[in-house]
């Protein structure tokens, strides 16, 4: 038995250790790896009627992936401009949502980690309580707030900022705000967990040496908090790119999300192989982007796992 397993069982006991290990394996293999492998297999299959599945026509093909790039055969365009545009726009929007969350959540996480007192517990509780409500209900609440007759427009018109209600839905402001709000805790708490362990004497020493607050954050806090920042950005980016409920509820007529195309292929068109191919492309692209950014900023997987 490997040493780490012996230490694990010695620390947790054979019974509890076996249960914990079994649950982790079931979660990882049964609910993540096997479904992804099944989807990958589907993506290389043709879309056939049920009686023909497993027959001579059910052979592996790359046509589902070619469709994303070139569109249907005999189409009027050389490339599948609509789907590719939606794909790139989804990735770019997910990057902007991640940056927005980072800019918003870093000061909050720093304040929570470096400030003492009971009011901090109340503040943290106020952040958590809204997430007791279902994500879909929160999205509908935001749609009401950002609607033409919603609270925000009524306030802006009442204050004289706008003469007429502003269409936050059609301009995608509600969508980006909803995505940022949906994953705000996933950015705050990883950064908070790291900054909380930062020795405050380092900050005090930098202040004594005349460093300004921007320099302290740039030279001391941010390098120390890099594992938390990397973890939060990874989770927010992956979940934003793969979001479905928020784009469906808060998106305007022209703000189609790539996950909505996947949903249409699976449910509306009953084309599971095509939907699986789209899902695989989105997953692999997101993973490659995350790995590229990690390499650019010299972050390894061990930092994210801390």
Protein backbone atom coordinates (compact mmCIF):
# COMPACT_ATOMS: atom_id res chain seq x y z
CA UNK A 1 0.00 0.00 0.00
CA UNK A 2 1.39 3.46 -0.87
CA UNK A 3 2.61 5.57 2.01
CA UNK A 4 0.03 8.32 1.59
CA UNK A 5 -2.79 5.74 1.77
CA UNK A 6 -1.35 4.23 4.94
CA UNK A 7 -1.16 7.67 6.52
CA UNK A 8 -4.71 8.41 5.35
CA UNK A 9 -6.13 5.22 6.90
CA UNK A 10 -4.10 5.68 10.10
CA UNK A 11 -5.48 9.19 10.48
CA UNK A 12 -9.13 8.39 9.67
CA UNK A 13 -9.47 4.70 10.48
CA UNK A 14 -10.09 1.86 8.05
CA UNK A 15 -13.90 2.15 8.05
CA UNK A 16 -14.21 5.91 7.72
CA UNK A 17 -11.20 6.11 5.39
CA UNK A 18 -12.68 3.47 3.08
CA UNK A 19 -16.04 5.29 3.05
CA UNK A 20 -14.43 8.64 2.27
CA UNK A 21 -12.22 7.15 -0.43
CA UNK A 22 -15.16 5.29 -1.97
CA UNK A 23 -17.30 8.44 -2.09
CA UNK A 24 -14.49 10.44 -3.68
CA UNK A 25 -13.90 7.72 -6.28
CA UNK A 26 -17.63 7.46 -7.00
CA UNK A 27 -17.87 11.24 -7.41
CA UNK A 28 -14.76 11.51 -9.59
CA UNK A 29 -15.17 8.41 -11.73
CA UNK A 30 -18.93 7.86 -11.77
CA UNK A 31 -20.14 11.45 -11.98
CA UNK A 32 -17.30 13.20 -13.83
CA UNK A 33 -14.96 10.95 -15.81
CA UNK A 34 -17.41 8.33 -17.16
CA UNK A 35 -20.06 10.88 -18.28
CA UNK A 36 -17.37 12.93 -20.03
CA UNK A 37 -16.02 9.83 -21.80
CA UNK A 38 -19.56 8.90 -22.83
CA UNK A 39 -20.10 12.40 -24.22
CA UNK A 40 -16.77 12.20 -26.05
CA UNK A 41 -17.86 8.90 -27.63
CA UNK A 42 -21.21 10.42 -28.62
CA UNK A 43 -19.45 13.36 -30.29
CA UNK A 44 -17.83 11.04 -32.87
CA UNK A 45 -21.05 9.22 -33.73
CA UNK A 46 -23.53 10.08 -36.51
CA UNK A 47 -27.04 11.13 -35.59
CA UNK A 48 -29.05 8.00 -36.38
CA UNK A 49 -32.57 6.82 -35.56
CA UNK A 50 -32.64 4.51 -32.51
CA UNK A 51 -33.13 1.30 -34.58
CA UNK A 52 -29.92 2.03 -36.55
CA UNK A 53 -27.70 2.74 -33.52
CA UNK A 54 -25.04 0.03 -33.32
CA UNK A 55 -25.63 -0.98 -36.95
CA UNK A 56 -23.32 -0.71 -39.97
CA UNK A 57 -23.94 3.05 -40.30
CA UNK A 58 -22.95 3.72 -36.69
CA UNK A 59 -19.26 4.41 -37.33
CA UNK A 60 -16.94 7.02 -35.90
CA UNK A 61 -16.84 10.33 -37.78
CA UNK A 62 -15.60 13.91 -37.31
CA UNK A 63 -18.57 15.45 -39.12
CA UNK A 64 -20.01 16.85 -35.89
CA UNK A 65 -16.82 18.85 -35.29
CA UNK A 66 -16.61 19.94 -38.93
CA UNK A 67 -20.17 21.25 -38.64
CA UNK A 68 -19.10 23.73 -35.95
CA UNK A 69 -16.45 25.15 -38.28
CA UNK A 70 -17.96 24.82 -41.75
CA UNK A 71 -21.69 24.51 -41.07
CA UNK A 72 -24.05 22.28 -43.09
CA UNK A 73 -22.91 20.92 -46.42
CA UNK A 74 -24.02 23.04 -49.31
CA UNK A 75 -24.51 26.09 -47.12
CA UNK A 76 -24.24 29.62 -48.45
CA UNK A 77 -21.20 30.46 -46.30
CA UNK A 78 -17.73 28.97 -46.18
CA UNK A 79 -17.79 28.91 -42.37
CA UNK A 80 -20.41 28.43 -39.68
CA UNK A 81 -20.26 32.12 -38.84
CA UNK A 82 -23.23 32.15 -36.45
CA UNK A 83 -22.11 29.34 -34.16
CA UNK A 84 -18.44 30.40 -34.21
CA UNK A 85 -19.40 33.98 -33.36
CA UNK A 86 -21.49 32.75 -30.43
CA UNK A 87 -18.60 30.53 -29.29
CA UNK A 88 -16.02 33.34 -29.29
CA UNK A 89 -18.43 35.80 -27.71
CA UNK A 90 -19.16 33.34 -24.90
CA UNK A 91 -15.46 32.92 -24.10
CA UNK A 92 -14.76 36.66 -24.22
CA UNK A 93 -17.78 37.41 -22.04
CA UNK A 94 -16.66 34.76 -19.51
CA UNK A 95 -13.23 36.45 -19.35
CA UNK A 96 -14.82 39.85 -18.69
CA UNK A 97 -17.12 38.39 -16.02
CA UNK A 98 -14.07 36.84 -14.35
CA UNK A 99 -12.14 40.14 -14.40
CA UNK A 100 -15.18 42.02 -13.10
CA UNK A 101 -15.56 39.56 -10.22
CA UNK A 102 -11.85 39.77 -9.40
CA UNK A 103 -11.88 43.57 -9.27
CA UNK A 104 -15.03 43.56 -7.15
CA UNK A 105 -14.16 40.68 -4.81
CA UNK A 106 -10.49 41.29 -4.06
CA UNK A 107 -11.15 44.36 -1.83
CA UNK A 108 -14.02 42.55 -0.10
CA UNK A 109 -11.86 39.48 0.57
CA UNK A 110 -9.01 41.65 1.86
CA UNK A 111 -11.34 43.55 4.18
CA UNK A 112 -12.85 40.33 5.54
CA UNK A 113 -9.44 38.76 6.10
CA UNK A 114 -7.63 41.70 7.66
CA UNK A 115 -10.39 43.20 9.80
CA UNK A 116 -11.39 41.82 13.19
CA UNK A 117 -14.69 42.11 15.02
CA UNK A 118 -18.20 40.67 15.20
CA UNK A 119 -19.40 42.92 12.39
CA UNK A 120 -17.20 40.91 10.00
CA UNK A 121 -19.22 37.78 10.81
CA UNK A 122 -22.42 39.68 10.13
CA UNK A 123 -20.99 40.97 6.84
CA UNK A 124 -19.98 37.44 5.78
CA UNK A 125 -23.42 36.12 6.73
CA UNK A 126 -25.06 38.83 4.63
CA UNK A 127 -22.98 37.66 1.67
CA UNK A 128 -23.98 34.01 2.16
CA UNK A 129 -27.72 34.27 2.95
CA UNK A 130 -28.85 35.27 -0.59
CA UNK A 131 -27.30 32.06 -1.91
CA UNK A 132 -29.71 30.00 0.13
CA UNK A 133 -32.18 30.86 -2.64
CA UNK A 134 -32.19 28.83 -5.84
CA UNK A 135 -30.06 30.22 -8.68
CA UNK A 136 -33.03 30.36 -11.06
CA UNK A 137 -35.11 32.34 -8.58
CA UNK A 138 -32.22 34.77 -8.11
CA UNK A 139 -31.97 35.20 -11.87
CA UNK A 140 -35.69 35.99 -12.14
CA UNK A 141 -35.34 38.47 -9.27
CA UNK A 142 -32.55 40.22 -11.16
CA UNK A 143 -34.68 40.28 -14.30
CA UNK A 144 -37.40 42.08 -12.33
CA UNK A 145 -34.85 44.53 -10.89
CA UNK A 146 -33.31 45.30 -14.30
CA UNK A 147 -36.63 45.31 -16.21
CA UNK A 148 -38.02 48.43 -17.90
CA UNK A 149 -40.50 48.83 -15.03
CA UNK A 150 -38.10 47.46 -12.43
CA UNK A 151 -36.72 49.01 -9.28
CA UNK A 152 -33.49 50.21 -10.91
CA UNK A 153 -35.17 51.96 -13.85
CA UNK A 154 -37.76 53.54 -11.58
CA UNK A 155 -34.97 54.92 -9.38
CA UNK A 156 -32.91 56.21 -12.31
CA UNK A 157 -35.89 57.88 -13.97
CA UNK A 158 -37.07 59.29 -10.63
CA UNK A 159 -33.64 60.83 -10.01
CA UNK A 160 -33.66 62.38 -13.46
CA UNK A 161 -30.64 60.40 -14.72
CA UNK A 162 -32.69 58.92 -17.57
CA UNK A 163 -35.72 60.44 -19.25
CA UNK A 164 -37.03 57.03 -20.29
CA UNK A 165 -36.32 53.53 -18.91
CA UNK A 166 -33.05 52.01 -20.08
CA UNK A 167 -33.19 48.50 -21.57
CA UNK A 168 -30.67 46.66 -19.37
CA UNK A 169 -31.86 43.30 -20.74
CA UNK A 170 -31.32 44.02 -24.44
CA UNK A 171 -27.91 45.62 -23.76
CA UNK A 172 -26.74 42.52 -21.83
CA UNK A 173 -26.01 44.52 -18.68
CA UNK A 174 -28.44 42.38 -16.70
CA UNK A 175 -26.79 39.21 -18.04
CA UNK A 176 -23.26 40.20 -17.06
CA UNK A 177 -24.41 41.50 -13.69
CA UNK A 178 -26.30 38.26 -13.10
CA UNK A 179 -23.32 36.09 -14.02
CA UNK A 180 -21.01 38.15 -11.83
CA UNK A 181 -23.43 37.97 -8.91
CA UNK A 182 -24.02 34.23 -9.34
CA UNK A 183 -20.38 33.31 -8.70
CA UNK A 184 -19.22 36.11 -6.41
CA UNK A 185 -18.69 33.80 -3.42
CA UNK A 186 -16.50 31.50 -5.50
CA UNK A 187 -14.14 34.42 -5.97
CA UNK A 188 -14.31 35.94 -2.49
CA UNK A 189 -13.66 32.94 -0.26
CA UNK A 190 -10.61 31.43 -2.03
CA UNK A 191 -8.91 34.85 -1.86
CA UNK A 192 -10.10 35.35 1.71
CA UNK A 193 -8.72 31.98 2.83
CA UNK A 194 -5.25 32.87 1.55
CA UNK A 195 -5.10 36.49 2.74
CA UNK A 196 -6.31 35.47 6.19
CA UNK A 197 -3.09 33.50 6.69
CA UNK A 198 -0.92 36.46 5.66
CA UNK A 199 1.19 37.73 8.55
CA UNK A 200 0.01 41.27 9.20
CA UNK A 201 3.54 42.16 10.34
CA UNK A 202 4.61 42.04 6.68
CA UNK A 203 2.10 44.76 5.86
CA UNK A 204 3.13 46.81 8.88
CA UNK A 205 6.80 46.46 7.92
CA UNK A 206 6.05 47.67 4.41
CA UNK A 207 4.15 50.65 5.84
CA UNK A 208 7.04 51.48 8.15
CA UNK A 209 9.39 51.50 5.17
CA UNK A 210 7.19 54.09 3.46
CA UNK A 211 5.41 51.88 0.94
CA UNK A 212 2.07 53.16 -0.31
CA UNK A 213 -1.04 50.98 -0.13
CA UNK A 214 -1.03 50.29 -3.90
CA UNK A 215 2.60 49.17 -3.67
CA UNK A 216 1.85 46.99 -0.62
CA UNK A 217 -0.90 45.20 -2.50
CA UNK A 218 1.23 44.88 -5.65
CA UNK A 219 4.40 43.67 -3.90
CA UNK A 220 3.09 41.86 -0.79
CA UNK A 221 -0.59 40.96 -0.76
CA UNK A 222 -1.30 40.02 -4.39
CA UNK A 223 1.78 37.75 -4.80
CA UNK A 224 0.85 36.01 -1.54
CA UNK A 225 -2.81 35.72 -2.57
CA UNK A 226 -1.99 34.36 -6.05
CA UNK A 227 -3.19 30.79 -5.23
CA UNK A 228 -6.58 32.10 -4.08
CA UNK A 229 -6.87 34.46 -7.03
CA UNK A 230 -6.02 31.62 -9.43
CA UNK A 231 -8.55 29.29 -7.82
CA UNK A 232 -11.33 31.89 -7.84
CA UNK A 233 -10.67 32.98 -11.42
CA UNK A 234 -10.62 29.37 -12.62
CA UNK A 235 -13.96 28.53 -11.04
CA UNK A 236 -15.67 31.75 -12.14
CA UNK A 237 -14.41 31.48 -15.73
CA UNK A 238 -15.37 27.82 -16.14
CA UNK A 239 -18.83 28.30 -14.63
CA UNK A 240 -19.50 31.52 -16.56
CA UNK A 241 -18.58 29.91 -19.87
CA UNK A 242 -20.78 26.91 -19.02
CA UNK A 243 -23.71 28.86 -17.59
CA UNK A 244 -27.20 28.18 -18.95
CA UNK A 245 -29.83 29.48 -16.52
CA UNK A 246 -28.59 33.09 -16.42
CA UNK A 247 -28.27 33.48 -20.23
CA UNK A 248 -31.71 31.93 -20.71
CA UNK A 249 -33.39 34.26 -18.20
CA UNK A 250 -31.34 37.46 -18.33
CA UNK A 251 -30.05 37.40 -21.90
CA UNK A 252 -31.44 39.72 -24.56
CA UNK A 253 -32.63 38.68 -28.03
CA UNK A 254 -29.12 38.92 -29.51
CA UNK A 255 -27.11 37.54 -26.58
CA UNK A 256 -27.12 33.85 -27.45
CA UNK A 257 -24.74 31.82 -25.26
CA UNK A 258 -22.86 28.78 -26.56
CA UNK A 259 -24.45 26.58 -23.90
CA UNK A 260 -27.83 27.53 -25.35
CA UNK A 261 -26.70 26.13 -28.70
CA UNK A 262 -25.71 22.92 -26.93
CA UNK A 263 -29.10 22.81 -25.21
CA UNK A 264 -30.84 23.30 -28.57
CA UNK A 265 -28.90 20.44 -30.15
CA UNK A 266 -29.71 18.05 -27.31
CA UNK A 267 -33.34 18.99 -26.67
CA UNK A 268 -34.82 20.88 -29.62
CA UNK A 269 -33.02 19.10 -32.47
CA UNK A 270 -32.61 15.72 -30.69
CA UNK A 271 -29.09 15.65 -32.15
CA UNK A 272 -27.09 14.28 -29.22
CA UNK A 273 -23.87 13.67 -31.18
CA UNK A 274 -23.79 17.29 -32.40
CA UNK A 275 -24.59 18.61 -28.93
CA UNK A 276 -21.88 16.38 -27.44
CA UNK A 277 -19.33 17.68 -29.96
CA UNK A 278 -20.19 21.28 -29.09
CA UNK A 279 -19.91 20.49 -25.37
CA UNK A 280 -16.52 18.79 -25.83
CA UNK A 281 -15.18 21.75 -27.81
CA UNK A 282 -16.31 24.19 -25.10
CA UNK A 283 -14.85 22.06 -22.29
CA UNK A 284 -11.48 21.48 -23.98
CA UNK A 285 -11.14 25.13 -25.02
CA UNK A 286 -11.87 26.36 -21.50
CA UNK A 287 -9.35 23.93 -20.00
CA UNK A 288 -6.66 24.98 -22.51
CA UNK A 289 -7.32 28.66 -21.83
CA UNK A 290 -7.05 28.13 -18.08
CA UNK A 291 -3.80 26.17 -18.47
CA UNK A 292 -2.38 28.86 -20.77
CA UNK A 293 -3.20 31.63 -18.29
CA UNK A 294 -1.74 29.57 -15.44
CA UNK A 295 1.48 29.15 -17.41
CA UNK A 296 1.55 32.86 -18.27
CA UNK A 297 1.28 33.90 -14.61
CA UNK A 298 3.47 30.99 -13.39
CA UNK A 299 0.75 29.29 -11.35
CA UNK A 300 0.69 25.51 -10.96
CA UNK A 301 -2.10 23.13 -10.05
CA UNK A 302 -0.74 22.78 -6.54
CA UNK A 303 -1.31 26.51 -5.95
CA UNK A 304 -4.94 26.24 -7.04
CA UNK A 305 -5.47 23.21 -4.81
CA UNK A 306 -4.22 24.96 -1.68
